[in-house]
Amino acid sequence: YTINPFEDEGDLSALLELSSLEHSQRINQEELLSSARATTRELVRGLAHEIKNPLGGIRGAAQLLASEIESPMLHDYTNVIIEEADRLHKLVDRLISARHQLEFSETNIHEVLERVRNLAEADPASAKITIQTDYDPSIPMIPADGEHLIQAMLNLVRNAMQSINNAREPVENGEILLRTRVIRNATIGEQFHRLAVKVDIADNGPGVPPHMLSTIFYPMISGRADGTGLGLPITHSIISQHKGLIECKSKAGKTIFSVVMPLAVAE
């Protein structure tokens, strides 16, 4: 808060100005995330060339070796080398391409979410999970890059599916909810918006460990042994390019990732 004294017709008065602590914390968190992303992006760009060159050499040598040997068992080893080299190459590409220039057009957020739902339901990992929707039909078209928005939302849904499926104690009746709402008087970063669209992706999995909540959107942070730690940072980057924000609230049995994007011009 701030207190500003002033004099009015000979009387000494004070103006007390209160600021939302939650708003300040959100801005600080966004600044920390932006700084972490920028540092990681520059680091990866600097190392990408040095990483890709030896990977190409390793892959080429493995292919030459595979053409010279006849043992099926040795072919299995060379295939592992080739596949792992390709996997590392793709990881580097994903990191350095996370902030490609987006192509904005008028986009129906519900068409985006329905595409995400269809893709998720086609995934065998959703076999024991019910995906429900709760849409606000009054939401108008928004300026967005539909393909990148699909990628961002699909990352969140897949993250929810993995959380449910990998729970230490099996989750009965696994459920994911896609919900949209219009919210008024939203502050995104330091910008005020009269209208914004809010997309919630909620699941009834075991929740995010408390010690990870503050770093969950940082690159290379994952709660799974086989996780790359890239899905949520890429999602955060895409939402940020849409001038939006993403938040996570989690406890055992209920996790909600909320994406907020402006519907009106910032004031």
Protein backbone atom coordinates (compact mmCIF):
# COMPACT_ATOMS: atom_id res chain seq x y z
CA TYR A 1 0.00 0.00 0.00
CA THR A 2 1.00 3.66 -0.34
CA ILE A 3 -0.06 6.73 1.65
CA ASN A 4 0.03 10.15 -0.01
CA PRO A 5 -0.68 13.17 2.22
CA PHE A 6 -2.39 16.21 0.70
CA GLU A 7 -4.03 19.40 1.83
CA ASP A 8 -7.66 20.15 1.01
CA GLU A 9 -9.04 23.61 1.96
CA GLY A 10 -6.62 23.87 4.83
CA ASP A 11 -7.29 20.38 6.13
CA LEU A 12 -4.49 17.81 6.01
CA SER A 13 -5.71 14.52 4.57
CA ALA A 14 -4.16 11.33 3.27
CA LEU A 15 -4.89 9.13 0.29
CA LEU A 16 -4.49 5.44 1.04
CA GLU A 17 -3.89 3.32 -2.07
CA LEU A 18 -4.18 -0.46 -1.69
CA SER A 19 -2.66 -2.87 -4.19
CA SER A 20 -3.63 -6.51 -4.61
CA LEU A 21 -0.91 -8.79 -3.23
CA GLU A 22 -2.09 -11.58 -5.52
CA HIS A 23 -1.72 -9.28 -8.54
CA SER A 24 1.84 -8.34 -7.53
CA GLN A 25 2.75 -11.97 -6.98
CA ARG A 26 1.33 -12.90 -10.39
CA ILE A 27 3.37 -10.19 -12.12
CA ASN A 28 6.53 -11.30 -10.29
CA GLN A 29 5.89 -14.92 -11.27
CA GLU A 30 5.37 -13.96 -14.91
CA GLU A 31 8.59 -11.95 -14.90
CA LEU A 32 10.53 -14.86 -13.41
CA LEU A 33 9.08 -17.26 -15.99
CA SER A 34 9.88 -14.88 -18.86
CA SER A 35 13.43 -14.49 -17.59
CA ALA A 36 13.87 -18.25 -17.24
CA ARG A 37 12.49 -18.87 -20.74
CA ALA A 38 14.72 -16.20 -22.28
CA THR A 39 17.83 -17.56 -20.56
CA THR A 40 17.03 -21.14 -21.56
CA ARG A 41 16.20 -20.14 -25.14
CA GLU A 42 19.49 -18.29 -25.61
CA LEU A 43 21.42 -21.15 -24.03
CA VAL A 44 19.79 -23.75 -26.28
CA ARG A 45 20.25 -21.63 -29.40
CA GLY A 46 23.91 -21.26 -28.58
CA LEU A 47 24.34 -24.99 -28.01
CA ALA A 48 22.02 -26.24 -30.77
CA HIS A 49 24.65 -26.13 -33.49
CA GLU A 50 27.23 -27.82 -31.28
CA ILE A 51 24.72 -30.50 -30.28
CA LYS A 52 23.32 -31.22 -33.75
CA ASN A 53 26.70 -31.65 -35.47
CA PRO A 54 27.92 -34.57 -33.31
CA LEU A 55 24.41 -36.06 -33.32
CA GLY A 56 24.49 -36.10 -37.12
CA GLY A 57 27.90 -37.76 -37.03
CA ILE A 58 26.75 -40.37 -34.51
CA ARG A 59 23.65 -41.16 -36.57
CA GLY A 60 25.60 -41.41 -39.81
CA ALA A 61 28.22 -43.68 -38.25
CA ALA A 62 25.47 -45.92 -36.84
CA GLN A 63 23.85 -46.18 -40.28
CA LEU A 64 27.18 -47.11 -41.89
CA LEU A 65 27.82 -49.66 -39.16
CA ALA A 66 24.34 -51.14 -39.67
CA SER A 67 25.05 -51.62 -43.39
CA GLU A 68 28.23 -53.55 -42.61
CA ILE A 69 26.97 -56.00 -40.01
CA GLU A 70 24.70 -59.01 -40.41
CA SER A 71 23.85 -59.95 -36.83
CA PRO A 72 20.21 -59.08 -35.98
CA MET A 73 21.26 -58.45 -32.36
CA LEU A 74 23.86 -55.89 -33.43
CA HIS A 75 21.27 -54.28 -35.72
CA ASP A 76 19.10 -53.77 -32.63
CA TYR A 77 21.94 -51.82 -31.01
CA THR A 78 22.50 -49.61 -34.04
CA ASN A 79 18.75 -48.94 -34.25
CA VAL A 80 18.80 -47.77 -30.63
CA ILE A 81 21.65 -45.38 -31.43
CA ILE A 82 19.81 -43.98 -34.48
CA GLU A 83 16.50 -43.63 -32.64
CA GLU A 84 18.06 -41.90 -29.64
CA ALA A 85 20.01 -39.52 -31.89
CA ASP A 86 16.74 -38.64 -33.67
CA ARG A 87 14.98 -38.15 -30.33
CA LEU A 88 17.64 -35.74 -29.07
CA HIS A 89 17.57 -33.87 -32.40
CA LYS A 90 13.80 -33.40 -32.08
CA LEU A 91 14.12 -32.23 -28.46
CA VAL A 92 16.54 -29.50 -29.52
CA ASP A 93 14.26 -28.49 -32.41
CA ARG A 94 11.26 -28.27 -30.06
CA LEU A 95 13.14 -26.06 -27.65
CA ILE A 96 14.42 -23.58 -30.22
CA SER A 97 11.14 -23.48 -32.19
CA ALA A 98 8.87 -22.87 -29.18
CA ARG A 99 8.63 -19.18 -30.02
CA HIS A 100 8.05 -19.21 -33.78
CA GLN A 101 6.05 -16.29 -35.15
CA LEU A 102 2.35 -17.05 -34.88
CA GLU A 103 -0.26 -16.45 -37.58
CA PHE A 104 -3.34 -14.85 -36.02
CA SER A 105 -6.87 -15.04 -37.39
CA GLU A 106 -10.42 -15.04 -36.01
CA THR A 107 -10.65 -18.33 -34.10
CA ASN A 108 -13.48 -20.18 -32.39
CA ILE A 109 -12.10 -21.36 -29.05
CA HIS A 110 -14.65 -24.17 -28.91
CA GLU A 111 -13.55 -25.54 -32.28
CA VAL A 112 -10.02 -25.59 -30.88
CA LEU A 113 -11.14 -27.46 -27.76
CA GLU A 114 -13.28 -29.92 -29.71
CA ARG A 115 -10.29 -30.73 -31.91
CA VAL A 116 -8.23 -31.27 -28.76
CA ARG A 117 -10.95 -33.49 -27.28
CA ASN A 118 -11.12 -35.62 -30.43
CA LEU A 119 -7.34 -36.04 -30.50
CA ALA A 120 -7.24 -36.95 -26.82
CA GLU A 121 -10.08 -39.48 -27.12
CA ALA A 122 -8.27 -41.15 -30.02
CA ASP A 123 -5.25 -41.69 -27.76
CA PRO A 124 -5.20 -45.16 -26.11
CA ALA A 125 -4.15 -43.42 -22.88
CA SER A 126 -7.70 -42.03 -22.56
CA ALA A 127 -9.36 -45.46 -22.63
CA LYS A 128 -10.36 -45.29 -18.95
CA ILE A 129 -10.84 -41.51 -18.79
CA THR A 130 -14.01 -39.54 -19.45
CA ILE A 131 -13.54 -36.16 -21.11
CA GLN A 132 -16.44 -33.77 -20.44
CA THR A 133 -17.14 -30.26 -21.70
CA ASP A 134 -18.85 -27.21 -20.21
CA TYR A 135 -18.78 -24.42 -22.80
CA ASP A 136 -20.12 -20.87 -22.66
CA PRO A 137 -21.77 -20.44 -26.10
CA SER A 138 -21.71 -16.63 -25.79
CA ILE A 139 -17.92 -16.44 -26.26
CA PRO A 140 -17.15 -14.65 -29.55
CA MET A 141 -14.30 -15.34 -31.96
CA ILE A 142 -10.87 -14.46 -30.62
CA PRO A 143 -7.69 -13.43 -32.46
CA ALA A 144 -5.46 -16.49 -32.21
CA ASP A 145 -3.22 -18.94 -34.02
CA GLY A 146 -5.53 -21.96 -34.06
CA GLU A 147 -2.86 -24.61 -34.70
CA HIS A 148 -0.57 -23.40 -31.93
CA LEU A 149 -3.51 -23.02 -29.57
CA ILE A 150 -4.47 -26.64 -30.28
CA GLN A 151 -0.90 -27.66 -29.42
CA ALA A 152 -1.00 -25.69 -26.16
CA MET A 153 -4.37 -27.08 -25.02
CA LEU A 154 -3.49 -30.61 -26.11
CA ASN A 155 -0.33 -30.45 -24.00
CA LEU A 156 -2.48 -29.61 -20.97
CA VAL A 157 -5.00 -32.40 -21.66
CA ARG A 158 -2.24 -34.97 -22.22
CA ASN A 159 -0.59 -33.81 -19.01
CA ALA A 160 -3.88 -34.45 -17.19
CA MET A 161 -4.20 -37.91 -18.79
CA GLN A 162 -0.67 -38.83 -17.74
CA SER A 163 -1.31 -37.61 -14.21
CA ILE A 164 -4.39 -39.83 -13.90
CA ASN A 165 -2.81 -42.89 -15.53
CA ASN A 166 0.49 -42.67 -13.61
CA ALA A 167 -1.01 -42.13 -10.17
CA ARG A 168 0.52 -44.35 -7.49
CA GLU A 169 -2.96 -45.22 -6.29
CA PRO A 170 -5.29 -45.98 -9.22
CA VAL A 171 -7.82 -43.23 -9.93
CA GLU A 172 -11.32 -44.60 -10.22
CA ASN A 173 -13.54 -42.90 -12.80
CA GLY A 174 -10.79 -40.71 -14.22
CA GLU A 175 -12.27 -37.47 -15.51
CA ILE A 176 -11.07 -34.41 -17.42
CA LEU A 177 -13.25 -31.31 -17.80
CA LEU A 178 -12.86 -28.65 -20.50
CA ARG A 179 -14.67 -25.49 -19.40
CA THR A 180 -14.93 -21.99 -20.93
CA ARG A 181 -16.20 -18.77 -19.41
CA VAL A 182 -16.15 -15.03 -20.08
CA ILE A 183 -14.63 -13.04 -17.23
CA ARG A 184 -14.81 -9.30 -16.69
CA ASN A 185 -12.18 -6.80 -15.53
CA ALA A 186 -9.24 -9.15 -15.98
CA THR A 187 -5.64 -8.08 -15.41
CA ILE A 188 -3.15 -10.01 -17.52
CA GLY A 189 0.41 -9.08 -16.71
CA GLU A 190 0.23 -5.32 -16.34
CA GLN A 191 -2.63 -4.88 -18.82
CA PHE A 192 -6.27 -4.40 -17.83
CA HIS A 193 -8.95 -5.97 -20.04
CA ARG A 194 -12.68 -5.42 -19.71
CA LEU A 195 -13.39 -8.87 -21.16
CA ALA A 196 -11.35 -12.06 -21.34
CA VAL A 197 -11.94 -15.72 -22.10
CA LYS A 198 -11.01 -18.27 -19.48
CA VAL A 199 -10.37 -21.91 -20.34
CA ASP A 200 -10.14 -24.39 -17.47
CA ILE A 201 -8.72 -27.87 -17.95
CA ALA A 202 -9.48 -29.79 -14.77
CA ASP A 203 -8.75 -33.37 -13.78
CA ASN A 204 -9.30 -35.57 -10.74
CA GLY A 205 -5.79 -37.02 -10.70
CA PRO A 206 -3.40 -37.09 -7.73
CA GLY A 207 -2.40 -33.46 -8.18
CA VAL A 208 0.88 -31.62 -8.69
CA PRO A 209 3.41 -32.04 -5.85
CA PRO A 210 3.42 -28.80 -3.81
CA HIS A 211 7.17 -28.31 -4.22
CA MET A 212 6.75 -28.25 -8.02
CA LEU A 213 3.93 -25.71 -8.30
CA SER A 214 6.24 -22.69 -8.41
CA THR A 215 8.50 -24.20 -11.10
CA ILE A 216 6.09 -26.29 -13.15
CA PHE A 217 6.34 -24.01 -16.21
CA TYR A 218 10.15 -23.92 -16.18
CA PRO A 219 11.96 -25.87 -18.94
CA MET A 220 13.22 -29.35 -18.10
CA ILE A 221 11.04 -29.65 -14.97
CA SER A 222 8.97 -32.85 -14.93
CA GLY A 223 7.33 -34.98 -12.29
CA ARG A 224 7.75 -38.13 -14.38
CA ALA A 225 10.91 -40.15 -14.86
CA ASP A 226 10.25 -40.36 -18.61
CA GLY A 227 9.09 -36.74 -18.98
CA THR A 228 10.99 -34.21 -21.11
CA GLY A 229 9.87 -31.15 -19.15
CA LEU A 230 9.01 -29.35 -22.40
CA GLY A 231 5.22 -29.62 -22.74
CA LEU A 232 4.20 -27.03 -20.13
CA PRO A 233 6.97 -24.49 -20.97
CA ILE A 234 5.96 -24.65 -24.65
CA THR A 235 2.31 -24.20 -23.66
CA HIS A 236 3.25 -21.21 -21.47
CA SER A 237 5.22 -19.68 -24.35
CA ILE A 238 2.30 -20.07 -26.79
CA ILE A 239 -0.20 -18.55 -24.35
CA SER A 240 2.18 -15.67 -23.62
CA GLN A 241 2.38 -14.92 -27.34
CA HIS A 242 -1.41 -14.65 -27.29
CA LYS A 243 -1.02 -11.95 -24.58
CA GLY A 244 -2.56 -14.38 -22.11
CA LEU A 245 -1.58 -16.09 -18.89
CA ILE A 246 -1.72 -19.62 -17.54
CA GLU A 247 -2.05 -20.66 -13.91
CA CYS A 248 -2.22 -23.92 -12.03
CA LYS A 249 -4.10 -24.69 -8.82
CA SER A 250 -3.73 -28.19 -7.50
CA LYS A 251 -4.51 -30.45 -4.60
CA ALA A 252 -5.03 -34.18 -4.29
CA GLY A 253 -8.02 -35.14 -6.44
CA LYS A 254 -8.36 -31.80 -8.22
CA THR A 255 -5.98 -29.96 -10.53
CA ILE A 256 -7.03 -27.00 -12.67
CA PHE A 257 -4.94 -25.36 -15.35
CA SER A 258 -6.53 -22.02 -16.23
CA VAL A 259 -5.74 -20.13 -19.43
CA VAL A 260 -6.91 -16.50 -19.67
CA MET A 261 -6.74 -14.57 -22.96
CA PRO A 262 -8.09 -11.10 -23.76
CA LEU A 263 -11.30 -10.58 -25.73
CA ALA A 264 -11.05 -6.78 -25.77
CA VAL A 265 -8.37 -4.21 -26.48
CA ALA A 266 -6.14 -3.55 -23.50
CA GLU A 267 -6.71 -0.22 -21.74
